[in-house]
């Protein structure tokens, strides 16, 4: 569900997606939801929760929900975004476009999809 992304790939993703900075704690998505975008954490922190308990905290460079977005699967965790966290939203078409341009990223995403 979560993967870490290299800096040069982050730069490429940023050119495609929409960036938003959250000023308050907010739910990014809920356990069992089928995502409509993937999320790249640019700064700040996101708590991944299951049954309302924090299981993990992720930060900058983390990409959430790509596998679930591309396979149209439900996510296993909820994500609670902390104040002053910046996120880049990436649509399925953004990801396909990037995969066509970058074979190294395409391989990385294909590995995620088969995991």
C-alpha atoms as a PDB file:
ATOM      1  CA  UNK A   1       0.000   0.000   0.000  1.00  0.00           C
ATOM      2  CA  UNK A   2       2.865   2.404   0.766  1.00  0.00           C
ATOM      3  CA  UNK A   3       6.101   2.726  -1.149  1.00  0.00           C
ATOM      4  CA  UNK A   4       9.029   5.119  -0.923  1.00  0.00           C
ATOM      5  CA  UNK A   5       9.895   7.149  -4.025  1.00  0.00           C
ATOM      6  CA  UNK A   6      13.263   8.534  -5.183  1.00  0.00           C
ATOM      7  CA  UNK A   7      13.720  12.326  -5.457  1.00  0.00           C
ATOM      8  CA  UNK A   8      14.031  12.418  -9.263  1.00  0.00           C
ATOM      9  CA  UNK A   9      10.825  10.411  -9.650  1.00  0.00           C
ATOM     10  CA  UNK A  10       9.058  12.735  -7.190  1.00  0.00           C
ATOM     11  CA  UNK A  11       9.976  15.688  -9.434  1.00  0.00           C
ATOM     12  CA  UNK A  12       8.397  13.922 -12.415  1.00  0.00           C
ATOM     13  CA  UNK A  13       5.237  13.095 -10.458  1.00  0.00           C
ATOM     14  CA  UNK A  14       4.886  16.698  -9.256  1.00  0.00           C
ATOM     15  CA  UNK A  15       4.599  17.922 -12.832  1.00  0.00           C
ATOM     16  CA  UNK A  16       1.475  15.797 -13.280  1.00  0.00           C
ATOM     17  CA  UNK A  17      -0.442  15.905 -10.023  1.00  0.00           C
ATOM     18  CA  UNK A  18      -2.297  18.502  -7.989  1.00  0.00           C
ATOM     19  CA  UNK A  19      -0.629  19.736  -4.775  1.00  0.00           C
ATOM     20  CA  UNK A  20      -2.590  20.570  -1.625  1.00  0.00           C
ATOM     21  CA  UNK A  21      -1.400  21.578   1.854  1.00  0.00           C
ATOM     22  CA  UNK A  22      -3.753  20.632   4.695  1.00  0.00           C
ATOM     23  CA  UNK A  23      -4.035  23.185   7.491  1.00  0.00           C
ATOM     24  CA  UNK A  24      -5.873  20.858   9.895  1.00  0.00           C
ATOM     25  CA  UNK A  25      -6.054  17.163  10.719  1.00  0.00           C
ATOM     26  CA  UNK A  26      -8.246  15.480   8.124  1.00  0.00           C
ATOM     27  CA  UNK A  27      -9.137  12.036   6.806  1.00  0.00           C
ATOM     28  CA  UNK A  28      -7.458  11.426   3.463  1.00  0.00           C
ATOM     29  CA  UNK A  29      -9.322   8.162   2.858  1.00  0.00           C
ATOM     30  CA  UNK A  30     -11.056   5.425   4.823  1.00  0.00           C
ATOM     31  CA  UNK A  31     -10.371   1.718   5.297  1.00  0.00           C
ATOM     32  CA  UNK A  32     -12.336  -0.234   2.671  1.00  0.00           C
ATOM     33  CA  UNK A  33     -12.606   2.707   0.261  1.00  0.00           C
ATOM     34  CA  UNK A  34     -11.569   2.266  -3.385  1.00  0.00           C
ATOM     35  CA  UNK A  35      -9.250   5.196  -4.139  1.00  0.00           C
ATOM     36  CA  UNK A  36      -9.869   7.569  -7.049  1.00  0.00           C
ATOM     37  CA  UNK A  37      -6.293   8.929  -6.850  1.00  0.00           C
ATOM     38  CA  UNK A  38      -2.929   7.919  -5.405  1.00  0.00           C
ATOM     39  CA  UNK A  39      -1.255  10.173  -2.842  1.00  0.00           C
ATOM     40  CA  UNK A  40       2.373  11.311  -2.770  1.00  0.00           C
ATOM     41  CA  UNK A  41       3.366  12.790   0.602  1.00  0.00           C
ATOM     42  CA  UNK A  42       5.582  15.844  -0.005  1.00  0.00           C
ATOM     43  CA  UNK A  43       5.960  17.155   3.551  1.00  0.00           C
ATOM     44  CA  UNK A  44       4.498  16.458   6.969  1.00  0.00           C
ATOM     45  CA  UNK A  45       3.034  13.176   8.216  1.00  0.00           C
ATOM     46  CA  UNK A  46       0.138  10.815   7.637  1.00  0.00           C
ATOM     47  CA  UNK A  47      -1.047   8.223  10.158  1.00  0.00           C
ATOM     48  CA  UNK A  48      -2.200   4.914   8.704  1.00  0.00           C
ATOM     49  CA  UNK A  49      -4.875   3.438  10.951  1.00  0.00           C
ATOM     50  CA  UNK A  50      -6.786   0.190  11.125  1.00  0.00           C
ATOM     51  CA  UNK A  51      -9.792  -0.168  13.408  1.00  0.00           C
ATOM     52  CA  UNK A  52      -9.067   3.410  14.588  1.00  0.00           C
ATOM     53  CA  UNK A  53      -5.589   2.465  15.897  1.00  0.00           C
ATOM     54  CA  UNK A  54      -2.405   3.980  14.438  1.00  0.00           C
ATOM     55  CA  UNK A  55      -0.409   1.219  12.739  1.00  0.00           C
ATOM     56  CA  UNK A  56       2.198   3.377  11.016  1.00  0.00           C
ATOM     57  CA  UNK A  57       3.222   6.978  10.405  1.00  0.00           C
ATOM     58  CA  UNK A  58       4.598   7.895   6.990  1.00  0.00           C
ATOM     59  CA  UNK A  59       6.257  11.033   5.720  1.00  0.00           C
ATOM     60  CA  UNK A  60       7.777  12.747   2.699  1.00  0.00           C
ATOM     61  CA  UNK A  61       8.492  10.559  -0.319  1.00  0.00           C
ATOM     62  CA  UNK A  62       5.790   8.024   0.541  1.00  0.00           C
ATOM     63  CA  UNK A  63       3.329   7.065  -2.184  1.00  0.00           C
ATOM     64  CA  UNK A  64      -0.002   5.657  -0.975  1.00  0.00           C
ATOM     65  CA  UNK A  65      -2.701   3.779  -2.842  1.00  0.00           C
ATOM     66  CA  UNK A  66      -1.094   3.204  -6.259  1.00  0.00           C
ATOM     67  CA  UNK A  67      -1.697  -0.542  -6.225  1.00  0.00           C
ATOM     68  CA  UNK A  68      -5.278  -0.121  -5.062  1.00  0.00           C
ATOM     69  CA  UNK A  69      -5.952   2.656  -7.600  1.00  0.00           C
ATOM     70  CA  UNK A  70      -4.546   0.702 -10.534  1.00  0.00           C
ATOM     71  CA  UNK A  71      -6.290  -2.552  -9.539  1.00  0.00           C
ATOM     72  CA  UNK A  72      -9.502  -0.868  -8.377  1.00  0.00           C
ATOM     73  CA  UNK A  73      -9.113  -2.538  -4.960  1.00  0.00           C
ATOM     74  CA  UNK A  74     -10.182  -1.293  -1.541  1.00  0.00           C
ATOM     75  CA  UNK A  75      -7.479   0.095   0.755  1.00  0.00           C
ATOM     76  CA  UNK A  76      -6.685  -1.853   3.938  1.00  0.00           C
ATOM     77  CA  UNK A  77      -6.056   1.211   6.121  1.00  0.00           C
ATOM     78  CA  UNK A  78      -7.500   4.637   6.780  1.00  0.00           C
ATOM     79  CA  UNK A  79      -5.175   7.608   6.345  1.00  0.00           C
ATOM     80  CA  UNK A  80      -5.306  10.600   8.686  1.00  0.00           C
ATOM     81  CA  UNK A  81      -3.324  13.589   7.480  1.00  0.00           C
ATOM     82  CA  UNK A  82      -1.672  15.870  10.027  1.00  0.00           C
ATOM     83  CA  UNK A  83      -1.728  19.690   9.896  1.00  0.00           C
ATOM     84  CA  UNK A  84       0.728  21.392   7.522  1.00  0.00           C
ATOM     85  CA  UNK A  85       1.139  18.244   5.427  1.00  0.00           C
ATOM     86  CA  UNK A  86       1.488  18.713   1.669  1.00  0.00           C
ATOM     87  CA  UNK A  87       0.175  16.007  -0.648  1.00  0.00           C
ATOM     88  CA  UNK A  88       0.247  15.554  -4.418  1.00  0.00           C
ATOM     89  CA  UNK A  89      -2.811  13.812  -5.889  1.00  0.00           C
ATOM     90  CA  UNK A  90      -2.094  11.523  -8.855  1.00  0.00           C
ATOM     91  CA  UNK A  91      -4.863  10.189 -11.079  1.00  0.00           C
ATOM     92  CA  UNK A  92      -4.759   6.861 -12.901  1.00  0.00           C
ATOM     93  CA  UNK A  93      -4.114   8.719 -16.176  1.00  0.00           C
ATOM     94  CA  UNK A  94      -1.242  10.684 -14.552  1.00  0.00           C
ATOM     95  CA  UNK A  95       0.352   7.399 -13.525  1.00  0.00           C
ATOM     96  CA  UNK A  96      -0.110   5.836 -16.984  1.00  0.00           C
ATOM     97  CA  UNK A  97       1.429   8.916 -18.642  1.00  0.00           C
ATOM     98  CA  UNK A  98       4.449   8.785 -16.339  1.00  0.00           C
ATOM     99  CA  UNK A  99       4.848   5.037 -16.889  1.00  0.00           C
ATOM    100  CA  UNK A 100       4.983   5.635 -20.661  1.00  0.00           C
ATOM    101  CA  UNK A 101       7.672   8.297 -20.242  1.00  0.00           C
ATOM    102  CA  UNK A 102       9.827   6.560 -17.633  1.00  0.00           C
ATOM    103  CA  UNK A 103      10.621   2.865 -17.969  1.00  0.00           C
ATOM    104  CA  UNK A 104      12.254   2.791 -14.517  1.00  0.00           C
ATOM    105  CA  UNK A 105       9.069   4.089 -12.887  1.00  0.00           C
ATOM    106  CA  UNK A 106       6.978   1.721 -14.994  1.00  0.00           C
ATOM    107  CA  UNK A 107       8.998  -1.222 -13.655  1.00  0.00           C
ATOM    108  CA  UNK A 108       8.617   0.076 -10.089  1.00  0.00           C
ATOM    109  CA  UNK A 109       4.831   0.404 -10.424  1.00  0.00           C
ATOM    110  CA  UNK A 110       4.526  -2.992 -12.106  1.00  0.00           C
ATOM    111  CA  UNK A 111       6.383  -4.522  -9.144  1.00  0.00           C
ATOM    112  CA  UNK A 112       3.861  -2.870  -6.809  1.00  0.00           C
ATOM    113  CA  UNK A 113       0.965  -4.265  -8.824  1.00  0.00           C
ATOM    114  CA  UNK A 114       2.261  -7.831  -8.674  1.00  0.00           C
ATOM    115  CA  UNK A 115       3.208  -7.740  -4.976  1.00  0.00           C
END
